[in-house]
Each structure stands twice: as structure tokens, then as C-alpha cells.
Amino acid sequence: MQPRDLSAHAPYVPGRGTEEVARDLGLDPEDLTKLSSNENPHGASPKAVEAIEAAAPTVSVYPKTAHTDLTDELAEKWDLESEQVWVSPGADGSIDYLTRAMLEPGDEILEPHPGFSYYSMSARYHHGDANQYEVSKADDFEQTADLVLDAYDGERMVYLTTPHNPTGALFPTDEITKLAEKVDDHTLIIVDEAYAEYTDEPSAIDLLSEYDNIAVLRTFSKAYGLAGLRIGYSCVPESWADAYARVNTPFAASEVACRAALAALDDPEHVEKSVESASWARDYLRDELDVPTWESAGNFVLAEVGDGTEVSQAAQREGVIIRDCTSFGLPECVRISCGTEEQTKRAVEVLNRIVSEVPTA
């Protein structure tokens, strides 16, 4: 007995973890600087940590109340009806929910390339397929409605990422509205705002009162520092919000995750600290690295180093873990997450030494 044909499903390639690398190199994990996964170097809010500890004795109970409380809190934050907030296990859980709600077998999505591979993975899991529009290095990764429309062929779902991963480029709000007005009536535009806390740009959630063909993804994994708990959400138009009850996985967002997210929302100072730290690190990376970089609105910087695999492996041997962007289709680039001041300065020192020694760089 075999599973169904999965040959069209490419596996997701995550950044390498600290303990994994430490075992390979025979090092103490404490000696490594991990800047490969766009995590918050300041961790979770102390309030969230306290909430996690307080929730531990209640984990025998399904997360009905906590889920409802978080939904209501997010609805109030964004001035939405509670039915418009779809809490999920990470933003990728919301991708699955939206895919279930929208795709019939054989339907297609349109996604950015390079981009988050789970967009197409989810479509194919649900018997759909994916086409791409090119976010081009030749154009400094500029994102516009016309760029998407040139590739658009009536797909059921169109993904926009702002700030874009791995480049950090924004998709301006006026370009999102232009696109929303030009796609076919059956097309849903999904705006992935996983890194939106790091920019001052207004959220596309503000557009939901005017457009019924836009949904927005958000996560607690980045600025809120809750990546290990897998908690996120999507915001959808009021006219079809009741689909959530028909497509969501029962109790998928855990009690602990929901309680931690509620506490994190109650600590804006921690988010502000994290955003300010990332802003400093972005500027430092762009100013001090001896290689070309691109302006970024996320908590990371894309750098052109010549041979991303060789440079990232060399950096790893010196205890600095960064993201080789070959899997994104940018083999000449690496992505460096924003660390603490100490981590960021160490990464720059190591990378500048490596790129001066690697011939292909």
C-alpha cells in the first residue's frame, strides 16, 4: 500500500536550527548565532511567557474559551466582526483554511517567485495547482499590480506578500487596490502580512470594508516572538466570513498558544522594542556589509554574495547561521535575519571576512 502520487509536492525547506547545526559541527548551541529563520531575537513578551506558564495546568481542556477570547480581541483590534477573524495554527494554517474555502479540484493559484513555498504546497494538497509571477532582481524586486496582471490568467487565488520574503520589498496599498479592481469576480487576493509590524505602511485589513475580494494573513511568529507556538490568523470580508466554521480544523489553535497570543497583544512595548531593534539591525547590515543589499521592510536583509551555498556554509562553520536563498531561486544571495546588536555585529564581521575569501563572491 502506498500514499497517493506526491511527486508534484516539493518539501518545504526551512532554515537550519541551532541544535541541528551544533550537533553537525560538534559545538555548543550557545556558541552559535542563528540568523536564518527571521525569528525575534528578543524572544516572546514576558507577559506571554507568564501566560504560557499559567496555562500549563489547563492543557487537558479543549481551547474553546481561549480561542473565542483571542478572536474577539483581534476583531476589536482591527475593528472587524468576530466572524471575520479566522484564528489558525500559524499563518500557514490560515493558508490551508482559505484554500479549503476557495479551491475546487483543478483550480489554480498565482503566487510570487521567489516567495513562500507553502502557497503552492497548500494548493496542491487540495488538488489545485500554482502559477507564478516574477518578482525580479533586475527591477530591485519591485511589486506592482501590473507585474501581477501580466501573469494573471483568471486564477482563483492570488498571493501578495508585503513585506516580501526573502527580499523585504513592499506591495504598496494603492497597487493592491488597483489589482483588486482589475481581477475577475471569482478571484480572491490574499495579502500575506507576516512581517507587517516592521513597517509603518497601513495594513490591507483596512481595505476589507470596501473590498470583498481581499483576505489578509497575520502571524504571532515574528514581531510577537511566538514562532514555536504556531499561532496566526486571517481577516476576511464580512460577506463570506461564516465559511470558517465549515473549513477550520477543530481546536487546531492550542489553549497555550491562544493564551500566549492574548498576553502578547497586551504588551505593545515588547513589539515596539522588537521593531526598533530590527530597524537598527537592518540599517547596520546594509551599511556595514561589503556586498550589495536591498532595502527591506522586514526583519531581515537580502544580500548578494556570489555563491549563497558556499558563503552560508562557510559562515555556519564559524558559528553564524544564515539562510542560503538557493531554494528561493536566488542562488547568488543569502538572507540575514535581524539579530540583537551583538549578533548582528558578529554576523557582519564573519560575512565580510568570508566574502573577501570566497572566489565566487
Foldseek 3Di string as FASTA:
>chain_A
DDDPDCVVADDFDAFDDLVVLCVVLVHDSVLFQEFAHQFQQVAADPLLVVLLVVCVVVQVDQQPPLVQVLLVVVCVVLVHDSLQKQKAQALLRVLLLVLVVADDAAAEEEEEFLARVSNQNSQVVRNYGYHYFYQDVVVLSEDALVSRVVRDDQGQEYEDEALTPPAQYGYAPVRVVVNLVPHDPNHAYEYEDAFVLLAPHDDCSVCLVPGQRYKYWYGCRHLNNPVVQRIIIMGHHPVPSVCSVVRHDRSRRGNSNSSSVVSSVVCVVSSVVSSVQLVVLQVCCCVQAPFHWGDHSGQKIKTFLQALVVLQVQVSSVRYHWAQCVVSVRRRIIMGGRHGPVSSVVSRVSSNVSSVPDVRD
